[in-house]
Protein backbone atom coordinates (compact mmCIF):
# COMPACT_ATOMS: atom_id res chain seq x y z
CA UNK A 1 -5.56 -19.08 -35.47
CA UNK A 2 -7.05 -19.49 -31.99
CA UNK A 3 -4.57 -18.33 -29.29
CA UNK A 4 -5.03 -21.60 -27.37
CA UNK A 5 -4.31 -23.64 -30.50
CA UNK A 6 -1.27 -21.50 -31.25
CA UNK A 7 0.05 -21.97 -27.71
CA UNK A 8 -0.71 -25.69 -27.31
CA UNK A 9 -0.97 -26.96 -30.87
CA UNK A 10 -4.37 -28.45 -30.02
CA UNK A 11 -7.43 -27.81 -32.11
CA UNK A 12 -10.41 -26.12 -30.47
CA UNK A 13 -13.98 -25.62 -31.61
CA UNK A 14 -15.21 -29.20 -31.31
CA UNK A 15 -17.50 -28.49 -28.38
CA UNK A 16 -20.64 -29.01 -30.48
CA UNK A 17 -19.38 -32.35 -31.76
CA UNK A 18 -18.45 -33.46 -28.23
CA UNK A 19 -21.88 -32.46 -26.91
CA UNK A 20 -23.62 -34.45 -29.66
CA UNK A 21 -21.45 -37.54 -29.10
CA UNK A 22 -21.92 -37.53 -25.31
CA UNK A 23 -25.69 -37.24 -25.78
CA UNK A 24 -25.61 -40.07 -28.34
CA UNK A 25 -23.61 -42.35 -26.01
CA UNK A 26 -25.88 -41.51 -23.09
CA UNK A 27 -28.98 -42.31 -25.10
CA UNK A 28 -27.38 -45.50 -26.40
CA UNK A 29 -26.63 -46.70 -22.89
CA UNK A 30 -30.15 -45.82 -21.78
CA UNK A 31 -31.88 -47.50 -24.74
CA UNK A 32 -29.54 -50.48 -24.84
CA UNK A 33 -28.10 -50.13 -28.34
CA UNK A 34 -24.72 -49.17 -26.87
CA UNK A 35 -23.24 -51.29 -24.11
CA UNK A 36 -20.20 -50.97 -21.94
CA UNK A 37 -17.36 -53.45 -22.09
CA UNK A 38 -17.88 -56.55 -19.89
CA UNK A 39 -16.04 -56.39 -16.60
CA UNK A 40 -15.41 -58.50 -13.53
CA UNK A 41 -14.88 -57.10 -10.05
CA UNK A 42 -11.98 -58.98 -8.48
CA UNK A 43 -12.56 -59.53 -4.75
CA UNK A 44 -9.98 -58.29 -2.27
CA UNK A 45 -9.05 -55.03 -3.94
CA UNK A 46 -5.36 -54.85 -4.80
CA UNK A 47 -4.91 -58.18 -3.00
CA UNK A 48 -6.69 -59.77 -5.98
CA UNK A 49 -4.18 -58.58 -8.59
CA UNK A 50 -2.15 -61.80 -8.41
CA UNK A 51 -5.29 -63.90 -8.99
CA UNK A 52 -6.32 -61.74 -11.93
CA UNK A 53 -2.86 -61.96 -13.49
CA UNK A 54 -2.88 -65.73 -13.07
CA UNK A 55 -6.32 -65.89 -14.73
CA UNK A 56 -4.94 -63.90 -17.66
CA UNK A 57 -1.90 -66.17 -17.91
CA UNK A 58 -4.10 -69.29 -17.78
CA UNK A 59 -6.44 -67.94 -20.47
CA UNK A 60 -9.44 -67.73 -18.15
CA UNK A 61 -10.11 -64.11 -19.06
CA UNK A 62 -11.41 -63.39 -22.54
CA UNK A 63 -12.71 -59.96 -23.55
CA UNK A 64 -13.24 -58.90 -19.94
CA UNK A 65 -11.79 -56.03 -17.93
CA UNK A 66 -10.80 -56.53 -14.34
CA UNK A 67 -11.91 -53.96 -11.76
CA UNK A 68 -10.06 -53.67 -8.45
CA UNK A 69 -11.87 -51.77 -5.73
CA UNK A 70 -9.11 -50.13 -3.75
CA UNK A 71 -11.30 -49.71 -0.66
CA UNK A 72 -11.56 -53.52 -0.43
CA UNK A 73 -7.79 -53.87 -0.07
CA UNK A 74 -6.86 -55.24 3.34
CA UNK A 75 -5.12 -52.61 5.47
CA UNK A 76 -6.26 -49.62 3.42
CA UNK A 77 -8.02 -46.99 5.48
CA UNK A 78 -10.75 -45.00 3.84
CA UNK A 79 -9.87 -41.32 3.66
CA UNK A 80 -12.60 -39.09 5.03
CA UNK A 81 -12.80 -35.59 3.54
CA UNK A 82 -15.18 -34.25 6.21
């Protein structure tokens, strides 16, 4: 038994499978036979959460994911790593 598997209980050795799947997904996105889930960017960052929740409650959102861009939230300062 692999020492990592013995310590963590997780199986190892699937690197080849993972590599093949990531290449397959990448090619699918590039060629168009695999598409990401539809999404909608909600304006206002976290300030738009209430609107998104209301849309969900009212049934206006069907098979769509909401994206909240934190940097668009009023009062949030962008952190500079430089």
